[in-house]
Amino acid sequence: MEKEILRMLDECKMRYHLKALMPEKPFIVAFDNGCEIMRVALGRRVELAIVSEEDQEADFIIKGSPLCIQELLSGKEKLSVLSRRQEVNVTGTYRGLLFIESILTLCRVHNSEPVVI
């Protein structure tokens, strides 16, 4: 799970225009795949990074199987769809769900094909 989260954070850092979506106060998201829990801090004035459990309490929690969390982080599945199908459990506000889904969608893995001219 750490590999997928770091990839998502790297994508987020490369897309400088996403900084405008970030809240002023750090928004902490916890991903729980049943084996481990990882927390991510998202915000304008913080380094987008994995944070320890002692630092802050999570604002939004996503619980699911390792496969569902991996598909979510890679962008193969949307958070709202997985939640509706009850494959993941979310704890937090609807606004938080929309924010996290936006970030995950905009930072998904893109398969680009070369252009032949």
N, C-alpha and C. Protein backbone atom coordinates (compact mmCIF):
# COMPACT_ATOMS: atom_id res chain seq x y z
N MET A 1 0.83 -1.19 0.00
CA MET A 1 0.00 0.00 0.00
C MET A 1 0.87 1.26 0.00
N GLU A 2 2.01 1.20 0.68
CA GLU A 2 2.87 2.39 0.75
C GLU A 2 3.34 2.81 -0.64
N LYS A 3 3.64 1.84 -1.48
CA LYS A 3 4.10 2.14 -2.85
C LYS A 3 3.04 2.91 -3.63
N GLU A 4 1.77 2.47 -3.53
CA GLU A 4 0.68 3.14 -4.25
C GLU A 4 0.44 4.55 -3.71
N ILE A 5 0.52 4.71 -2.40
CA ILE A 5 0.32 6.03 -1.80
C ILE A 5 1.43 6.98 -2.22
N LEU A 6 2.67 6.52 -2.20
CA LEU A 6 3.78 7.38 -2.61
C LEU A 6 3.67 7.76 -4.08
N ARG A 7 3.21 6.84 -4.93
CA ARG A 7 3.01 7.14 -6.34
C ARG A 7 1.94 8.22 -6.50
N MET A 8 0.85 8.07 -5.76
CA MET A 8 -0.24 9.05 -5.82
C MET A 8 0.24 10.42 -5.34
N LEU A 9 1.02 10.46 -4.27
CA LEU A 9 1.54 11.72 -3.76
C LEU A 9 2.51 12.37 -4.75
N ASP A 10 3.34 11.56 -5.40
CA ASP A 10 4.25 12.09 -6.42
C ASP A 10 3.48 12.70 -7.58
N GLU A 11 2.42 12.03 -8.02
CA GLU A 11 1.57 12.56 -9.09
C GLU A 11 0.94 13.88 -8.65
N CYS A 12 0.51 13.93 -7.42
CA CYS A 12 -0.12 15.13 -6.88
C CYS A 12 0.87 16.29 -6.83
N LYS A 13 2.10 16.01 -6.44
CA LYS A 13 3.13 17.05 -6.38
C LYS A 13 3.49 17.57 -7.77
N MET A 14 3.48 16.68 -8.77
CA MET A 14 3.83 17.08 -10.14
C MET A 14 2.76 17.97 -10.76
N ARG A 15 1.55 17.82 -10.32
CA ARG A 15 0.43 18.61 -10.87
C ARG A 15 0.23 19.84 -9.98
N TYR A 16 1.02 20.86 -10.26
CA TYR A 16 1.04 22.07 -9.43
C TYR A 16 -0.34 22.73 -9.33
N HIS A 17 -1.19 22.56 -10.36
CA HIS A 17 -2.51 23.18 -10.34
C HIS A 17 -3.42 22.59 -9.26
N LEU A 18 -3.08 21.42 -8.72
CA LEU A 18 -3.89 20.82 -7.66
C LEU A 18 -3.72 21.56 -6.33
N LYS A 19 -2.67 22.35 -6.21
CA LYS A 19 -2.44 23.11 -4.98
C LYS A 19 -3.66 23.98 -4.65
N ALA A 20 -4.35 24.47 -5.70
CA ALA A 20 -5.53 25.32 -5.48
C ALA A 20 -6.68 24.55 -4.83
N LEU A 21 -6.72 23.23 -5.02
CA LEU A 21 -7.78 22.40 -4.41
C LEU A 21 -7.51 22.10 -2.93
N MET A 22 -6.26 22.22 -2.54
CA MET A 22 -5.87 21.83 -1.19
C MET A 22 -6.39 22.82 -0.14
N PRO A 23 -6.83 22.30 1.00
CA PRO A 23 -7.29 23.19 2.07
C PRO A 23 -6.12 23.86 2.78
N GLU A 24 -6.41 24.97 3.45
CA GLU A 24 -5.38 25.69 4.21
C GLU A 24 -4.86 24.80 5.35
N LYS A 25 -5.79 24.27 6.12
CA LYS A 25 -5.43 23.39 7.24
C LYS A 25 -5.22 21.97 6.68
N PRO A 26 -4.18 21.26 7.12
CA PRO A 26 -3.93 19.91 6.60
C PRO A 26 -5.14 18.99 6.78
N PHE A 27 -5.48 18.27 5.73
CA PHE A 27 -6.57 17.31 5.74
C PHE A 27 -5.91 15.93 5.79
N ILE A 28 -6.18 15.19 6.87
CA ILE A 28 -5.53 13.90 7.08
C ILE A 28 -6.48 12.78 6.64
N VAL A 29 -5.99 11.94 5.73
CA VAL A 29 -6.76 10.81 5.22
C VAL A 29 -6.06 9.53 5.67
N ALA A 30 -6.82 8.61 6.25
CA ALA A 30 -6.27 7.32 6.67
C ALA A 30 -6.77 6.23 5.73
N PHE A 31 -5.85 5.45 5.20
CA PHE A 31 -6.17 4.30 4.37
C PHE A 31 -5.91 3.05 5.20
N ASP A 32 -6.95 2.23 5.37
CA ASP A 32 -6.86 1.01 6.19
C ASP A 32 -7.21 -0.18 5.31
N ASN A 33 -6.21 -1.04 5.03
CA ASN A 33 -6.49 -2.20 4.18
C ASN A 33 -6.63 -3.49 4.99
N GLY A 34 -6.78 -3.36 6.29
CA GLY A 34 -6.95 -4.53 7.15
C GLY A 34 -5.63 -5.04 7.70
N CYS A 35 -4.54 -4.79 6.99
CA CYS A 35 -3.21 -5.21 7.44
C CYS A 35 -2.43 -4.05 8.03
N GLU A 36 -2.61 -2.88 7.44
CA GLU A 36 -1.90 -1.69 7.90
C GLU A 36 -2.76 -0.45 7.69
N ILE A 37 -2.42 0.58 8.43
CA ILE A 37 -3.10 1.87 8.30
C ILE A 37 -2.04 2.91 7.97
N MET A 38 -2.28 3.66 6.90
CA MET A 38 -1.36 4.73 6.52
C MET A 38 -2.14 6.02 6.45
N ARG A 39 -1.55 7.08 6.99
CA ARG A 39 -2.17 8.40 6.99
C ARG A 39 -1.42 9.32 6.06
N VAL A 40 -2.18 10.13 5.33
CA VAL A 40 -1.61 11.07 4.37
C VAL A 40 -2.11 12.47 4.71
N ALA A 41 -1.19 13.44 4.70
CA ALA A 41 -1.54 14.84 4.94
C ALA A 41 -1.62 15.56 3.61
N LEU A 42 -2.77 16.20 3.37
CA LEU A 42 -2.98 16.99 2.15
C LEU A 42 -3.31 18.41 2.56
N GLY A 43 -2.60 19.36 2.00
CA GLY A 43 -2.85 20.76 2.33
C GLY A 43 -1.92 21.68 1.57
N ARG A 44 -2.29 22.96 1.54
CA ARG A 44 -1.47 23.95 0.82
C ARG A 44 -0.15 24.21 1.49
N ARG A 45 -0.17 24.26 2.81
CA ARG A 45 1.02 24.68 3.54
C ARG A 45 1.79 23.52 4.18
N VAL A 46 1.49 22.31 3.76
CA VAL A 46 2.21 21.15 4.30
C VAL A 46 2.82 20.37 3.13
N GLU A 47 3.84 19.61 3.45
CA GLU A 47 4.41 18.70 2.47
C GLU A 47 3.43 17.54 2.32
N LEU A 48 3.04 17.25 1.09
CA LEU A 48 2.15 16.12 0.84
C LEU A 48 2.94 14.86 1.16
N ALA A 49 2.59 14.21 2.26
CA ALA A 49 3.40 13.09 2.71
C ALA A 49 2.61 12.16 3.62
N ILE A 50 3.21 11.00 3.86
CA ILE A 50 2.67 10.05 4.83
C ILE A 50 3.05 10.57 6.21
N VAL A 51 2.10 10.58 7.12
CA VAL A 51 2.35 11.07 8.48
C VAL A 51 2.13 9.93 9.47
N SER A 52 2.74 10.06 10.65
CA SER A 52 2.60 9.02 11.66
C SER A 52 1.26 9.18 12.40
N GLU A 53 0.85 8.12 13.04
CA GLU A 53 -0.43 8.12 13.75
C GLU A 53 -0.43 9.08 14.93
N GLU A 54 0.72 9.34 15.52
CA GLU A 54 0.79 10.20 16.68
C GLU A 54 0.63 11.67 16.33
N ASP A 55 0.92 12.04 15.07
CA ASP A 55 0.90 13.45 14.68
C ASP A 55 -0.48 14.07 14.79
N GLN A 56 -1.44 13.51 14.09
CA GLN A 56 -2.79 14.08 14.08
C GLN A 56 -3.83 12.99 13.87
N GLU A 57 -5.05 13.29 14.29
CA GLU A 57 -6.16 12.37 14.08
C GLU A 57 -6.66 12.52 12.64
N ALA A 58 -7.12 11.44 12.05
CA ALA A 58 -7.58 11.46 10.66
C ALA A 58 -8.91 12.20 10.53
N ASP A 59 -9.02 13.01 9.47
CA ASP A 59 -10.28 13.69 9.15
C ASP A 59 -11.19 12.79 8.34
N PHE A 60 -10.59 11.84 7.61
CA PHE A 60 -11.35 10.96 6.72
C PHE A 60 -10.69 9.58 6.75
N ILE A 61 -11.48 8.53 6.89
CA ILE A 61 -10.95 7.16 6.97
C ILE A 61 -11.57 6.31 5.88
N ILE A 62 -10.71 5.58 5.17
CA ILE A 62 -11.17 4.67 4.12
C ILE A 62 -10.70 3.27 4.51
N LYS A 63 -11.65 2.35 4.73
CA LYS A 63 -11.33 0.98 5.11
C LYS A 63 -11.81 0.04 4.01
N GLY A 64 -10.96 -0.91 3.65
CA GLY A 64 -11.34 -1.89 2.64
C GLY A 64 -10.29 -2.97 2.53
N SER A 65 -10.54 -3.91 1.65
CA SER A 65 -9.59 -4.99 1.42
C SER A 65 -8.36 -4.43 0.72
N PRO A 66 -7.23 -5.13 0.81
CA PRO A 66 -6.03 -4.66 0.12
C PRO A 66 -6.24 -4.43 -1.38
N LEU A 67 -7.01 -5.30 -2.03
CA LEU A 67 -7.27 -5.16 -3.46
C LEU A 67 -8.09 -3.91 -3.76
N CYS A 68 -9.12 -3.66 -2.96
CA CYS A 68 -9.96 -2.46 -3.17
C CYS A 68 -9.16 -1.18 -2.94
N ILE A 69 -8.34 -1.16 -1.90
CA ILE A 69 -7.53 0.03 -1.62
C ILE A 69 -6.52 0.25 -2.74
N GLN A 70 -5.95 -0.82 -3.25
CA GLN A 70 -4.99 -0.71 -4.36
C GLN A 70 -5.67 -0.17 -5.62
N GLU A 71 -6.86 -0.68 -5.93
CA GLU A 71 -7.60 -0.19 -7.10
C GLU A 71 -8.00 1.26 -6.94
N LEU A 72 -8.34 1.65 -5.73
CA LEU A 72 -8.70 3.03 -5.44
C LEU A 72 -7.50 3.96 -5.64
N LEU A 73 -6.36 3.58 -5.09
CA LEU A 73 -5.16 4.42 -5.17
C LEU A 73 -4.60 4.51 -6.59
N SER A 74 -4.80 3.46 -7.38
CA SER A 74 -4.30 3.49 -8.76
C SER A 74 -5.26 4.21 -9.69
N GLY A 75 -6.50 4.44 -9.23
CA GLY A 75 -7.47 5.14 -10.05
C GLY A 75 -8.34 4.23 -10.90
N LYS A 76 -8.23 2.93 -10.70
CA LYS A 76 -9.05 1.99 -11.47
C LYS A 76 -10.50 2.03 -11.03
N GLU A 77 -10.73 2.36 -9.78
CA GLU A 77 -12.08 2.46 -9.22
C GLU A 77 -12.24 3.79 -8.51
N LYS A 78 -13.46 4.32 -8.53
CA LYS A 78 -13.74 5.57 -7.82
C LYS A 78 -14.22 5.27 -6.41
N LEU A 79 -13.91 6.18 -5.51
CA LEU A 79 -14.27 6.02 -4.11
C LEU A 79 -15.78 5.92 -3.93
N SER A 80 -16.53 6.77 -4.59
CA SER A 80 -17.99 6.75 -4.43
C SER A 80 -18.60 5.44 -4.94
N VAL A 81 -18.03 4.88 -6.00
CA VAL A 81 -18.53 3.61 -6.54
C VAL A 81 -18.23 2.47 -5.57
N LEU A 82 -17.00 2.42 -5.07
CA LEU A 82 -16.64 1.38 -4.10
C LEU A 82 -17.48 1.50 -2.83
N SER A 83 -17.74 2.72 -2.41
CA SER A 83 -18.56 2.94 -1.22
C SER A 83 -20.00 2.50 -1.45
N ARG A 84 -20.54 2.83 -2.60
CA ARG A 84 -21.92 2.45 -2.94
C ARG A 84 -22.07 0.93 -2.99
N ARG A 85 -21.04 0.25 -3.52
CA ARG A 85 -21.07 -1.23 -3.59
C ARG A 85 -20.68 -1.86 -2.26
N GLN A 86 -20.40 -1.04 -1.27
CA GLN A 86 -20.02 -1.46 0.08
C GLN A 86 -18.75 -2.32 0.08
N GLU A 87 -17.83 -2.00 -0.83
CA GLU A 87 -16.54 -2.68 -0.87
C GLU A 87 -15.53 -1.94 0.00
N VAL A 88 -15.80 -0.65 0.26
CA VAL A 88 -15.00 0.11 1.21
C VAL A 88 -15.95 0.81 2.16
N ASN A 89 -15.47 1.06 3.35
CA ASN A 89 -16.19 1.81 4.37
C ASN A 89 -15.53 3.17 4.49
N VAL A 90 -16.31 4.22 4.47
CA VAL A 90 -15.74 5.55 4.64
C VAL A 90 -16.31 6.20 5.89
N THR A 91 -15.45 6.92 6.59
CA THR A 91 -15.86 7.68 7.77
C THR A 91 -15.38 9.10 7.57
N GLY A 92 -16.33 10.00 7.52
CA GLY A 92 -16.02 11.41 7.31
C GLY A 92 -17.19 12.09 6.65
N THR A 93 -16.97 13.32 6.24
CA THR A 93 -18.05 14.11 5.65
C THR A 93 -18.18 13.82 4.16
N TYR A 94 -19.33 14.20 3.61
CA TYR A 94 -19.55 14.07 2.17
C TYR A 94 -18.59 14.98 1.41
N ARG A 95 -18.35 16.15 1.95
CA ARG A 95 -17.40 17.09 1.34
C ARG A 95 -16.00 16.47 1.30
N GLY A 96 -15.63 15.76 2.37
CA GLY A 96 -14.35 15.06 2.41
C GLY A 96 -14.26 13.98 1.36
N LEU A 97 -15.36 13.25 1.18
CA LEU A 97 -15.42 12.20 0.16
C LEU A 97 -15.21 12.80 -1.23
N LEU A 98 -15.86 13.90 -1.52
CA LEU A 98 -15.71 14.55 -2.82
C LEU A 98 -14.29 15.06 -3.03
N PHE A 99 -13.69 15.61 -1.98
CA PHE A 99 -12.32 16.11 -2.07
C PHE A 99 -11.35 14.97 -2.36
N ILE A 100 -11.43 13.90 -1.58
CA ILE A 100 -10.52 12.77 -1.76
C ILE A 100 -10.73 12.12 -3.12
N GLU A 101 -11.97 11.97 -3.53
CA GLU A 101 -12.24 11.37 -4.84
C GLU A 101 -11.67 12.23 -5.96
N SER A 102 -11.75 13.55 -5.82
CA SER A 102 -11.18 14.45 -6.82
C SER A 102 -9.67 14.27 -6.91
N ILE A 103 -9.01 14.26 -5.78
CA ILE A 103 -7.55 14.11 -5.76
C ILE A 103 -7.15 12.76 -6.34
N LEU A 104 -7.82 11.69 -5.92
CA LEU A 104 -7.48 10.36 -6.43
C LEU A 104 -7.73 10.25 -7.94
N THR A 105 -8.80 10.85 -8.41
CA THR A 105 -9.11 10.80 -9.84
C THR A 105 -8.09 11.58 -10.65
N LEU A 106 -7.72 12.76 -10.18
CA LEU A 106 -6.77 13.59 -10.91
C LEU A 106 -5.35 13.05 -10.85
N CYS A 107 -5.07 12.19 -9.88
CA CYS A 107 -3.72 11.63 -9.73
C CYS A 107 -3.65 10.15 -10.09
N ARG A 108 -4.62 9.68 -10.84
CA ARG A 108 -4.63 8.26 -11.21
C ARG A 108 -3.53 7.95 -12.22
N VAL A 109 -3.26 6.66 -12.40
CA VAL A 109 -2.26 6.20 -13.35
C VAL A 109 -2.81 6.40 -14.76
N HIS A 110 -2.01 7.06 -15.59
CA HIS A 110 -2.42 7.28 -16.97
C HIS A 110 -1.59 6.40 -17.90
N ASN A 111 -2.26 5.68 -18.74
CA ASN A 111 -1.57 4.90 -19.76
C ASN A 111 -1.58 5.71 -21.03
N SER A 112 -0.45 6.31 -21.35
CA SER A 112 -0.39 7.14 -22.54
C SER A 112 0.22 6.35 -23.69
N GLU A 113 -0.34 6.59 -24.84
CA GLU A 113 0.17 5.94 -26.05
C GLU A 113 0.94 6.97 -26.86
N PRO A 114 2.05 6.54 -27.46
CA PRO A 114 2.83 7.49 -28.24
C PRO A 114 2.06 7.98 -29.47
N VAL A 115 2.31 9.22 -29.82
CA VAL A 115 1.68 9.81 -30.98
C VAL A 115 2.63 9.71 -32.16
N VAL A 116 2.13 9.15 -33.26
CA VAL A 116 2.95 9.01 -34.46
C VAL A 116 2.51 10.07 -35.46
N ILE A 117 3.46 10.86 -35.90
CA ILE A 117 3.14 11.93 -36.86
C ILE A 117 3.81 11.62 -38.19
